[in-house]
Protein backbone atom coordinates (compact mmCIF):
# COMPACT_ATOMS: atom_id res chain seq x y z
CA UNK A 1 0.00 0.00 0.00
CA UNK A 2 2.96 2.30 0.38
CA UNK A 3 3.34 4.71 -2.52
CA UNK A 4 6.52 6.28 -1.14
CA UNK A 5 9.55 5.74 -3.34
CA UNK A 6 11.91 3.24 -1.72
CA UNK A 7 15.62 3.84 -1.93
CA UNK A 8 17.90 1.02 -3.00
CA UNK A 9 20.56 -0.13 -0.52
CA UNK A 10 23.03 0.27 -3.35
CA UNK A 11 22.70 4.06 -2.98
CA UNK A 12 24.76 3.68 0.20
CA UNK A 13 23.75 6.99 1.79
CA UNK A 14 25.28 8.52 4.88
CA UNK A 15 22.95 8.57 7.89
CA UNK A 16 22.89 10.52 11.15
CA UNK A 17 20.91 10.12 14.36
CA UNK A 18 20.84 12.45 17.35
CA UNK A 19 19.47 11.42 20.74
CA UNK A 20 18.71 14.41 22.98
CA UNK A 21 18.66 12.60 26.31
CA UNK A 22 17.96 14.01 29.75
CA UNK A 23 21.60 13.53 30.78
CA UNK A 24 23.62 13.42 27.55
CA UNK A 25 23.20 14.23 23.88
CA UNK A 26 24.54 11.58 21.50
CA UNK A 27 25.10 11.60 17.76
CA UNK A 28 26.12 8.74 15.50
CA UNK A 29 26.96 9.13 11.82
CA UNK A 30 26.89 5.94 9.79
CA UNK A 31 27.08 4.66 6.25
CA UNK A 32 24.64 2.20 4.74
CA UNK A 33 26.70 -0.61 3.22
CA UNK A 34 25.01 -3.63 1.65
CA UNK A 35 21.90 -3.05 3.75
CA UNK A 36 23.89 -2.80 7.01
CA UNK A 37 24.44 0.29 9.14
CA UNK A 38 28.18 0.95 9.65
CA UNK A 39 28.95 3.71 12.21
CA UNK A 40 31.77 6.01 11.13
CA UNK A 41 31.65 8.62 13.90
CA UNK A 42 30.13 8.89 17.37
CA UNK A 43 29.88 12.02 19.51
CA UNK A 44 28.53 12.52 23.03
CA UNK A 45 28.26 15.49 25.38
CA UNK A 46 26.95 15.87 28.91
CA UNK A 47 24.17 18.44 28.57
CA UNK A 48 22.17 17.65 31.73
CA UNK A 49 18.81 18.91 30.50
CA UNK A 50 17.03 17.24 33.43
CA UNK A 51 19.11 19.28 35.86
CA UNK A 52 17.78 22.43 34.21
CA UNK A 53 14.09 21.68 34.83
CA UNK A 54 12.68 23.88 37.59
CA UNK A 55 9.68 23.20 39.85
CA UNK A 56 7.36 24.44 37.07
CA UNK A 57 8.93 22.11 34.48
CA UNK A 58 10.58 24.97 32.64
CA UNK A 59 14.06 24.52 31.20
CA UNK A 60 16.29 27.23 32.63
CA UNK A 61 18.41 29.46 30.39
CA UNK A 62 21.62 27.60 31.17
CA UNK A 63 20.23 24.18 30.17
CA UNK A 64 18.61 25.73 27.10
CA UNK A 65 21.95 27.18 26.03
CA UNK A 66 23.91 23.99 26.79
CA UNK A 67 21.58 21.97 24.59
CA UNK A 68 21.62 24.36 21.64
CA UNK A 69 25.39 24.84 21.82
CA UNK A 70 25.83 21.07 21.70
CA UNK A 71 23.57 20.83 18.64
CA UNK A 72 25.58 23.57 16.90
CA UNK A 73 28.70 21.46 17.33
CA UNK A 74 26.88 18.36 16.10
CA UNK A 75 25.57 20.27 13.07
CA UNK A 76 29.13 20.94 11.89
CA UNK A 77 29.56 17.19 11.36
CA UNK A 78 26.49 16.52 9.21
CA UNK A 79 26.36 19.06 6.35
CA UNK A 80 26.98 16.35 3.71
CA UNK A 81 24.19 14.07 4.92
CA UNK A 82 20.88 14.14 3.00
CA UNK A 83 18.20 15.53 5.35
CA UNK A 84 16.00 12.50 4.57
CA UNK A 85 18.61 10.39 6.36
CA UNK A 86 18.93 12.58 9.46
CA UNK A 87 16.70 12.40 12.52
CA UNK A 88 16.93 14.09 15.90
CA UNK A 89 14.83 12.81 18.80
CA UNK A 90 14.13 14.23 22.27
CA UNK A 91 13.18 12.15 25.30
CA UNK A 92 11.91 12.58 28.86
CA UNK A 93 13.14 16.09 29.74
CA UNK A 94 11.76 17.52 26.52
CA UNK A 95 8.54 15.58 27.10
CA UNK A 96 8.23 17.27 30.48
CA UNK A 97 9.49 20.77 29.64
CA UNK A 98 6.73 23.33 29.20
CA UNK A 99 9.04 25.39 27.00
CA UNK A 100 10.21 22.31 25.08
CA UNK A 101 8.63 23.47 21.83
CA UNK A 102 10.68 26.68 21.93
CA UNK A 103 13.81 24.55 22.27
CA UNK A 104 12.75 22.28 19.39
CA UNK A 105 12.03 25.28 17.18
CA UNK A 106 15.59 26.57 17.58
CA UNK A 107 17.01 23.06 17.24
CA UNK A 108 15.32 22.68 13.84
CA UNK A 109 16.87 25.95 12.67
CA UNK A 110 20.32 24.71 13.71
CA UNK A 111 20.12 21.17 12.32
CA UNK A 112 17.84 21.69 9.30
CA UNK A 113 16.31 18.25 9.82
CA UNK A 114 13.32 16.68 11.62
CA UNK A 115 13.56 17.34 15.38
CA UNK A 116 10.87 15.59 17.38
CA UNK A 117 9.95 14.35 20.84
CA UNK A 118 8.91 10.71 21.22
CA UNK A 119 6.62 9.19 23.83
CA UNK A 120 8.09 6.89 26.45
CA UNK A 121 7.01 3.65 24.79
CA UNK A 122 8.26 4.79 21.40
CA UNK A 123 11.58 5.60 23.07
CA UNK A 124 11.58 2.06 24.46
CA UNK A 125 10.94 0.60 21.00
CA UNK A 126 13.84 2.56 19.49
CA UNK A 127 16.13 1.49 22.34
CA UNK A 128 15.24 -2.15 21.78
CA UNK A 129 15.87 -1.80 18.04
CA UNK A 130 19.34 -0.41 18.73
CA UNK A 131 20.22 -3.05 21.31
CA UNK A 132 18.84 -5.96 19.27
CA UNK A 133 21.16 -5.18 16.37
CA UNK A 134 24.21 -5.52 18.65
CA UNK A 135 23.28 -8.99 19.94
CA UNK A 136 23.43 -12.50 18.57
CA UNK A 137 20.13 -13.59 17.05
CA UNK A 138 19.62 -16.54 19.41
CA UNK A 139 15.84 -16.68 19.05
CA UNK A 140 15.18 -16.33 22.79
CA UNK A 141 13.23 -13.61 24.57
CA UNK A 142 15.29 -10.86 26.17
CA UNK A 143 14.55 -8.19 28.75
CA UNK A 144 16.23 -4.90 27.86
CA UNK A 145 16.37 -1.86 30.15
CA UNK A 146 17.92 1.57 29.66
CA UNK A 147 18.51 3.88 32.63
CA UNK A 148 18.31 7.43 31.33
CA UNK A 149 18.57 10.80 33.01
CA UNK A 150 14.83 11.27 33.52
CA UNK A 151 13.24 7.91 32.73
CA UNK A 152 14.04 4.21 32.49
CA UNK A 153 12.70 2.11 29.65
CA UNK A 154 11.89 -1.61 29.82
CA UNK A 155 11.33 -3.87 26.83
CA UNK A 156 10.77 -7.58 26.41
CA UNK A 157 11.45 -8.61 22.84
CA UNK A 158 12.39 -11.47 20.58
CA UNK A 159 14.86 -11.05 17.76
CA UNK A 160 14.15 -7.54 16.40
CA UNK A 161 10.54 -7.40 17.58
CA UNK A 162 9.57 -5.68 20.87
CA UNK A 163 6.75 -7.56 22.58
CA UNK A 164 6.21 -5.42 25.68
CA UNK A 165 7.37 -1.83 26.24
CA UNK A 166 7.16 0.55 29.18
CA UNK A 167 8.75 3.79 30.35
CA UNK A 168 8.95 4.62 34.06
CA UNK A 169 9.57 8.03 35.63
CA UNK A 170 12.88 7.25 37.29
CA UNK A 171 16.25 8.43 36.03
CA UNK A 172 19.76 8.96 37.32
CA UNK A 173 19.56 12.78 37.14
CA UNK A 174 16.06 13.15 38.61
CA UNK A 175 16.87 10.64 41.40
CA UNK A 176 20.15 12.40 42.13
CA UNK A 177 18.35 15.69 42.71
CA UNK A 178 15.65 13.95 44.76
CA UNK A 179 17.63 11.59 47.01
CA UNK A 180 21.15 13.01 46.96
CA UNK A 181 20.32 16.71 47.14
CA UNK A 182 23.17 19.18 47.59
CA UNK A 183 25.61 16.44 46.64
CA UNK A 184 25.23 14.58 49.95
CA UNK A 185 25.41 10.78 50.17
CA UNK A 186 23.70 8.92 53.00
CA UNK A 187 22.60 5.34 53.58
CA UNK A 188 19.07 6.57 54.28
CA UNK A 189 18.93 8.48 51.00
CA UNK A 190 20.22 5.48 49.08
CA UNK A 191 17.63 3.15 50.66
CA UNK A 192 14.84 5.61 49.83
CA UNK A 193 16.00 5.75 46.21
CA UNK A 194 15.95 1.96 45.94
CA UNK A 195 12.55 1.61 47.56
CA UNK A 196 11.01 4.37 45.43
CA UNK A 197 12.33 2.71 42.28
CA UNK A 198 10.99 -0.68 43.44
CA UNK A 199 7.58 0.92 43.97
CA UNK A 200 7.65 2.20 40.38
CA UNK A 201 8.68 -1.24 39.14
CA UNK A 202 5.88 -2.96 41.05
CA UNK A 203 3.41 -1.47 38.56
CA UNK A 204 4.90 -3.48 35.67
CA UNK A 205 6.31 -6.49 37.55
CA UNK A 206 3.35 -8.82 37.05
CA UNK A 207 2.98 -8.30 33.30
CA UNK A 208 6.73 -8.57 32.72
CA UNK A 209 7.18 -11.72 34.78
CA UNK A 210 4.17 -13.25 33.01
CA UNK A 211 5.69 -12.53 29.60
CA UNK A 212 9.04 -13.90 30.79
CA UNK A 213 12.55 -13.68 29.36
CA UNK A 214 15.60 -15.82 28.72
CA UNK A 215 18.33 -13.23 29.24
CA UNK A 216 18.72 -9.64 30.43
CA UNK A 217 20.56 -6.75 28.76
CA UNK A 218 21.23 -3.30 30.18
CA UNK A 219 21.97 -0.26 28.04
CA UNK A 220 23.00 3.35 28.82
CA UNK A 221 26.03 5.08 30.26
CA UNK A 222 25.07 4.28 33.85
CA UNK A 223 25.07 0.52 33.23
CA UNK A 224 28.36 0.78 31.32
CA UNK A 225 30.00 2.74 34.15
CA UNK A 226 28.75 0.34 36.81
CA UNK A 227 29.97 -2.70 34.85
CA UNK A 228 33.36 -1.01 34.49
CA UNK A 229 33.56 -0.40 38.23
CA UNK A 230 32.64 -4.02 38.98
CA UNK A 231 35.36 -5.24 36.64
CA UNK A 232 38.07 -2.91 37.96
CA UNK A 233 37.33 -3.84 41.56
CA UNK A 234 37.15 -7.60 41.04
CA UNK A 235 33.39 -7.83 41.67
CA UNK A 236 32.51 -9.07 38.20
CA UNK A 237 31.96 -12.74 37.25
CA UNK A 238 31.13 -12.86 33.54
CA UNK A 239 28.06 -10.63 34.07
CA UNK A 240 26.57 -7.98 36.34
CA UNK A 241 25.00 -9.64 39.37
CA UNK A 242 23.36 -8.52 42.63
CA UNK A 243 26.24 -9.51 44.98
CA UNK A 244 28.58 -7.34 42.89
CA UNK A 245 26.13 -4.43 42.94
CA UNK A 246 25.84 -4.68 46.74
CA UNK A 247 29.64 -4.55 47.08
CA UNK A 248 29.74 -1.44 44.91
CA UNK A 249 26.96 0.07 47.03
CA UNK A 250 28.87 -0.63 50.26
CA UNK A 251 31.98 1.00 48.82
CA UNK A 252 29.97 3.97 47.61
CA UNK A 253 28.46 4.58 51.05
CA UNK A 254 31.94 5.14 52.52
CA UNK A 255 31.87 8.56 50.83
CA UNK A 256 29.90 11.48 52.24
CA UNK A 257 29.52 13.54 49.07
CA UNK A 258 29.26 13.08 45.32
CA UNK A 259 32.43 15.11 44.78
CA UNK A 260 34.38 12.79 47.08
CA UNK A 261 33.59 9.58 45.16
CA UNK A 262 36.83 7.90 44.14
CA UNK A 263 36.20 4.37 42.90
CA UNK A 264 38.30 2.61 40.23
CA UNK A 265 36.39 2.42 36.96
CA UNK A 266 34.23 5.47 37.65
CA UNK A 267 35.21 8.52 35.60
CA UNK A 268 34.91 12.01 37.06
CA UNK A 269 31.94 12.93 34.87
CA UNK A 270 30.01 9.90 36.18
CA UNK A 271 30.50 10.46 39.91
CA UNK A 272 27.51 12.73 40.41
CA UNK A 273 25.00 10.24 38.99
CA UNK A 274 26.60 6.98 40.17
CA UNK A 275 24.59 6.66 43.43
CA UNK A 276 21.24 7.28 41.75
CA UNK A 277 22.02 5.04 38.78
CA UNK A 278 23.23 2.27 41.09
CA UNK A 279 20.13 2.56 43.28
CA UNK A 280 17.87 2.17 40.24
CA UNK A 281 19.89 -0.79 38.95
CA UNK A 282 19.73 -2.57 42.32
CA UNK A 283 15.97 -1.97 42.44
CA UNK A 284 15.58 -3.50 38.97
CA UNK A 285 17.50 -6.62 40.01
CA UNK A 286 15.66 -6.99 43.31
CA UNK A 287 12.11 -6.25 42.15
CA UNK A 288 12.21 -8.27 38.95
CA UNK A 289 14.27 -11.12 40.40
CA UNK A 290 17.12 -10.73 37.90
CA UNK A 291 20.16 -12.93 38.52
CA UNK A 292 22.57 -11.62 35.88
CA UNK A 293 22.62 -8.96 33.17
CA UNK A 294 24.99 -8.03 30.38
CA UNK A 295 25.78 -4.57 29.01
CA UNK A 296 25.11 -3.64 25.37
CA UNK A 297 26.64 -0.75 23.44
CA UNK A 298 23.45 -0.49 21.39
CA UNK A 299 21.19 2.38 22.35
CA UNK A 300 18.44 4.64 21.10
CA UNK A 301 20.66 6.46 18.61
CA UNK A 302 21.40 3.18 16.80
CA UNK A 303 17.69 2.35 16.99
CA UNK A 304 16.90 5.64 15.25
CA UNK A 305 19.26 4.69 12.42
CA UNK A 306 17.69 1.27 11.95
CA UNK A 307 14.22 2.82 12.10
CA UNK A 308 15.26 5.26 9.36
CA UNK A 309 16.60 2.37 7.34
CA UNK A 310 13.30 0.55 7.75
CA UNK A 311 11.36 3.57 6.54
CA UNK A 312 13.43 3.92 3.36
CA UNK A 313 14.48 0.39 2.49
CA UNK A 314 12.75 -2.34 4.46
CA UNK A 315 9.51 -2.27 6.45
CA UNK A 316 8.10 0.99 7.78
CA UNK A 317 6.79 0.27 11.29
CA UNK A 318 4.37 3.20 10.94
CA UNK A 319 2.55 1.34 8.17
CA UNK A 320 2.11 -1.64 10.46
CA UNK A 321 0.87 0.60 13.30
CA UNK A 322 -1.79 2.23 11.12
CA UNK A 323 -2.92 -1.08 9.60
CA UNK A 324 -3.20 -2.57 13.10
CA UNK A 325 -5.31 0.40 14.21
CA UNK A 326 -7.54 0.08 11.16
CA UNK A 327 -8.06 -3.59 11.95
CA UNK A 328 -8.67 -2.92 15.65
CA UNK A 329 -11.43 -0.41 14.88
CA UNK A 330 -12.92 -2.34 11.93
CA UNK A 331 -12.25 0.36 9.35
CA UNK A 332 -13.80 -0.06 5.89
CA UNK A 333 -10.46 -0.56 4.11
CA UNK A 334 -11.93 -0.18 0.61
CA UNK A 335 -13.30 3.25 1.51
CA UNK A 336 -10.04 4.25 3.20
CA UNK A 337 -8.11 3.24 0.08
CA UNK A 338 -10.47 5.24 -2.17
CA UNK A 339 -10.02 8.36 -0.06
CA UNK A 340 -6.26 7.79 0.07
CA UNK A 341 -5.89 7.54 -3.70
CA UNK A 342 -7.82 10.77 -4.31
CA UNK A 343 -5.89 12.52 -1.53
CA UNK A 344 -2.55 11.50 -3.04
CA UNK A 345 -3.71 12.51 -6.51
CA UNK A 346 -4.59 15.99 -5.23
CA UNK A 347 -1.39 16.18 -3.20
CA UNK A 348 0.77 15.45 -6.24
CA UNK A 349 -0.95 18.29 -8.12
CA UNK A 350 -0.46 20.93 -5.42
CA UNK A 351 2.71 19.91 -3.59
CA UNK A 352 5.03 22.14 -5.64
CA UNK A 353 2.93 25.31 -5.45
CA UNK A 354 2.25 24.86 -1.75
CA UNK A 355 5.79 23.61 -1.00
CA UNK A 356 4.58 20.43 0.70
CA UNK A 357 7.41 18.03 1.54
CA UNK A 358 7.49 14.25 1.75
CA UNK A 359 6.64 14.41 5.46
CA UNK A 360 3.36 16.13 4.50
CA UNK A 361 2.55 13.28 2.13
CA UNK A 362 3.11 10.80 4.94
CA UNK A 363 0.81 12.69 7.35
CA UNK A 364 -1.87 12.85 4.66
CA UNK A 365 -1.45 9.16 3.91
CA UNK A 366 -1.80 7.95 7.51
CA UNK A 367 -4.72 10.32 8.12
CA UNK A 368 -6.62 9.20 5.02
CA UNK A 369 -6.25 5.56 6.02
CA UNK A 370 -7.38 6.18 9.60
CA UNK A 371 -9.97 8.93 9.12
CA UNK A 372 -12.89 6.62 10.03
CA UNK A 373 -11.46 4.88 13.12
CA UNK A 374 -13.78 6.96 15.33
CA UNK A 375 -16.82 5.14 13.93
CA UNK A 376 -15.99 2.27 16.30
CA UNK A 377 -16.87 4.63 19.16
CA UNK A 378 -19.90 6.39 17.67
CA UNK A 379 -21.08 7.48 14.25
CA UNK A 380 -22.10 10.82 15.74
CA UNK A 381 -19.04 13.04 15.77
CA UNK A 382 -16.79 10.17 14.72
CA UNK A 383 -14.16 12.62 13.43
CA UNK A 384 -13.72 13.90 16.99
CA UNK A 385 -13.45 10.37 18.37
CA UNK A 386 -10.88 9.56 15.70
CA UNK A 387 -8.81 12.61 16.64
CA UNK A 388 -8.88 11.53 20.30
CA UNK A 389 -7.74 8.00 19.46
CA UNK A 390 -4.88 9.25 17.29
CA UNK A 391 -3.76 11.64 20.02
CA UNK A 392 -3.77 9.20 22.92
CA UNK A 393 -2.98 5.79 21.40
CA UNK A 394 0.47 4.20 21.53
CA UNK A 395 1.51 4.10 17.86
CA UNK A 396 4.99 2.61 17.33
CA UNK A 397 7.02 4.62 14.85
CA UNK A 398 5.16 7.89 15.34
CA UNK A 399 6.28 10.92 17.32
CA UNK A 400 4.00 13.08 19.44
CA UNK A 401 4.04 15.70 16.71
CA UNK A 402 3.08 13.12 14.07
CA UNK A 403 0.10 12.02 16.14
CA UNK A 404 -0.97 15.59 16.85
CA UNK A 405 -0.89 16.50 13.15
CA UNK A 406 -2.85 13.38 12.19
CA UNK A 407 -5.37 14.14 14.93
CA UNK A 408 -5.84 17.65 13.51
CA UNK A 409 -6.39 16.26 10.00
CA UNK A 410 -8.85 13.58 11.09
CA UNK A 411 -10.62 15.89 13.55
CA UNK A 412 -11.24 18.45 10.80
CA UNK A 413 -12.00 16.19 7.83
CA UNK A 414 -15.76 16.90 8.08
CA UNK A 415 -18.26 19.39 9.52
CA UNK A 416 -16.92 22.69 10.93
CA UNK A 417 -13.26 23.66 10.85
CA UNK A 418 -11.59 24.21 14.20
CA UNK A 419 -8.74 26.64 13.49
CA UNK A 420 -7.49 26.43 17.07
CA UNK A 421 -6.47 22.81 16.37
CA UNK A 422 -3.72 23.64 13.90
CA UNK A 423 -2.85 26.87 15.69
CA UNK A 424 -1.59 24.67 18.55
CA UNK A 425 1.03 23.24 16.20
CA UNK A 426 4.50 24.78 15.68
CA UNK A 427 4.16 27.98 13.59
CA UNK A 428 6.11 26.61 10.62
CA UNK A 429 3.58 23.75 10.24
CA UNK A 430 0.28 25.57 10.69
CA UNK A 431 -0.29 26.69 7.09
CA UNK A 432 0.86 23.36 5.65
CA UNK A 433 -1.48 21.39 7.91
CA UNK A 434 -4.38 23.67 6.99
CA UNK A 435 -3.66 22.95 3.32
CA UNK A 436 -3.57 19.21 4.03
CA UNK A 437 -6.93 19.51 5.79
CA UNK A 438 -8.41 20.95 2.58
CA UNK A 439 -6.99 18.09 0.50
CA UNK A 440 -8.34 15.46 2.90
CA UNK A 441 -11.78 17.08 3.20
CA UNK A 442 -12.20 17.20 -0.58
CA UNK A 443 -11.06 13.59 -0.93
CA UNK A 444 -13.59 12.43 1.66
CA UNK A 445 -16.30 14.51 0.01
CA UNK A 446 -15.61 12.92 -3.42
CA UNK A 447 -16.25 9.47 -1.93
CA UNK A 448 -19.29 10.17 0.22
CA UNK A 449 -21.29 7.62 -1.81
CA UNK A 450 -18.69 4.92 -1.03
CA UNK A 451 -18.81 3.60 -4.62
CA UNK A 452 -15.97 2.90 -7.06
CA UNK A 453 -17.96 4.06 -10.08
CA UNK A 454 -18.44 7.60 -8.72
CA UNK A 455 -14.77 8.58 -8.46
CA UNK A 456 -14.44 11.94 -10.24
CA UNK A 457 -11.69 12.78 -12.71
CA UNK A 458 -10.44 16.08 -11.30
CA UNK A 459 -7.56 18.51 -11.51
CA UNK A 460 -6.57 20.76 -8.64
CA UNK A 461 -4.54 23.97 -8.88
CA UNK A 462 -3.58 26.30 -6.04
CA UNK A 463 -2.18 29.77 -5.59
CA UNK A 464 -1.55 30.97 -2.06
CA UNK A 465 -4.88 30.96 -0.23
CA UNK A 466 -6.99 29.93 -3.22
CA UNK A 467 -7.68 26.52 -4.74
CA UNK A 468 -9.46 25.64 -7.98
CA UNK A 469 -10.99 22.27 -8.91
CA UNK A 470 -11.67 21.26 -12.50
CA UNK A 471 -13.76 18.24 -13.47
CA UNK A 472 -14.30 16.51 -16.80
CA UNK A 473 -17.06 17.92 -19.02
CA UNK A 474 -20.57 17.77 -17.53
CA UNK A 475 -19.42 15.61 -14.60
CA UNK A 476 -20.70 18.04 -11.98
CA UNK A 477 -23.97 18.52 -13.83
CA UNK A 478 -24.52 14.77 -13.66
CA UNK A 479 -23.76 14.76 -9.93
CA UNK A 480 -25.79 17.60 -8.41
CA UNK A 481 -25.39 16.29 -4.86
CA UNK A 482 -21.61 16.63 -5.05
CA UNK A 483 -22.01 20.08 -6.56
CA UNK A 484 -24.18 21.14 -3.61
CA UNK A 485 -21.66 19.75 -1.14
CA UNK A 486 -18.83 21.62 -2.86
CA UNK A 487 -20.82 24.84 -2.55
CA UNK A 488 -21.15 24.20 1.19
CA UNK A 489 -17.43 23.54 1.34
CA UNK A 490 -16.80 26.91 -0.32
CA UNK A 491 -18.60 28.61 2.57
CA UNK A 492 -16.62 26.67 5.16
CA UNK A 493 -13.27 27.83 3.78
CA UNK A 494 -14.45 31.37 3.05
CA UNK A 495 -14.98 31.87 6.79
CA UNK A 496 -11.26 31.36 7.44
CA UNK A 497 -10.01 33.39 4.50
CA UNK A 498 -9.45 30.72 1.86
CA UNK A 499 -11.05 30.68 -1.58
CA UNK A 500 -12.31 27.44 -3.13
CA UNK A 501 -13.48 27.49 -6.76
CA UNK A 502 -14.73 24.74 -9.05
């Protein structure tokens, strides 16, 4: 069903992925060789976004500047990479930050590529994708966890397929500020951190134990640092285990402050988040009954690369997500396909004059396929129900912005237009989304009769805020109902300053 042009692996493009984490920003640049992703450069900087969130969830000026300065340095490394093969993703701190959109707006100007925030479960899926490509394909189920600065993700998967994903609000930076405030280390604070993390884990314990796993893999800088400390101190026996973690904890508690930590294997830039990261790791082992775990170099940034590769060369997980949603809500697939084909036909005729990029085509595509999902809730106002489902469902492969845009399109594909919907989007997208709404509304209108034999042969031309439809000779005269509906549509768009002619 995918009309998007697929790129051949033989093109061997350069690729770049940027992970804007709560603790560190990472970038990996890779080359696609024979269908495989080959990293050629990796960069990482401690940005500490989570430390810059105040009590009102606003990023302070210092954190804002640290993040943008880091992206400026990253940008110097990617000018030769095609923007279609670059993706920048934000995680927990940017999910929480009330001024996150202002940060993203400036980030887009710096990087000149898609810059988005993903939901916790989508972050977990990308992490699993990155980790899975670093491991032997043994066919067993694995539990993967990634301790970040503001959240920790948990995934049970098999081969390259995540089966269960979750994101919990516990991270090494947020727990540091909460349980080791002012840089002080105490046994009481450490115990509270462990117990709080175990309480968080209790919410997912039953479902994860029921699903089960054959081996455990930890990702992230905290797990890497802890494994290094266990090895350098002789507390490591082929894998990370709980007795080794307890020995590291006992050694850690001999220090009174974060600045005083001096443990072989722990670098200076890791000292301040070692106690909180260790507390979370111990809680994971204790609450989930883990005996041993191994560290993987794979992480979300590699997952982003493989997800990009899937979109261009292999399978696009977004297609699978939309098809699953259509099936779940018993969508009339023949009608969805009819609307889609007319929408894409109109899009191809106006994309140049309205400067609509490939990402606009994708939004229109997913929205056309899913525009009737709300009928499973109620036929009355089903466009509103559809918008709600697209906003609040977990859709692997889609960012929050993707889902918001699709919700705006579906929520406005019939009846009155709600301008406030697209005015909530970033300014640079508002006009484009409004134009996509027009294309989708017309496509739905053409197929109101839900019959193959009534598909009109039309041409669409646009100029700024005006659009003109042309039909084959006498077609409108032979279909007076459509002509009446088009006249009503004229009035709808006239109210918001757009001219529709036919």
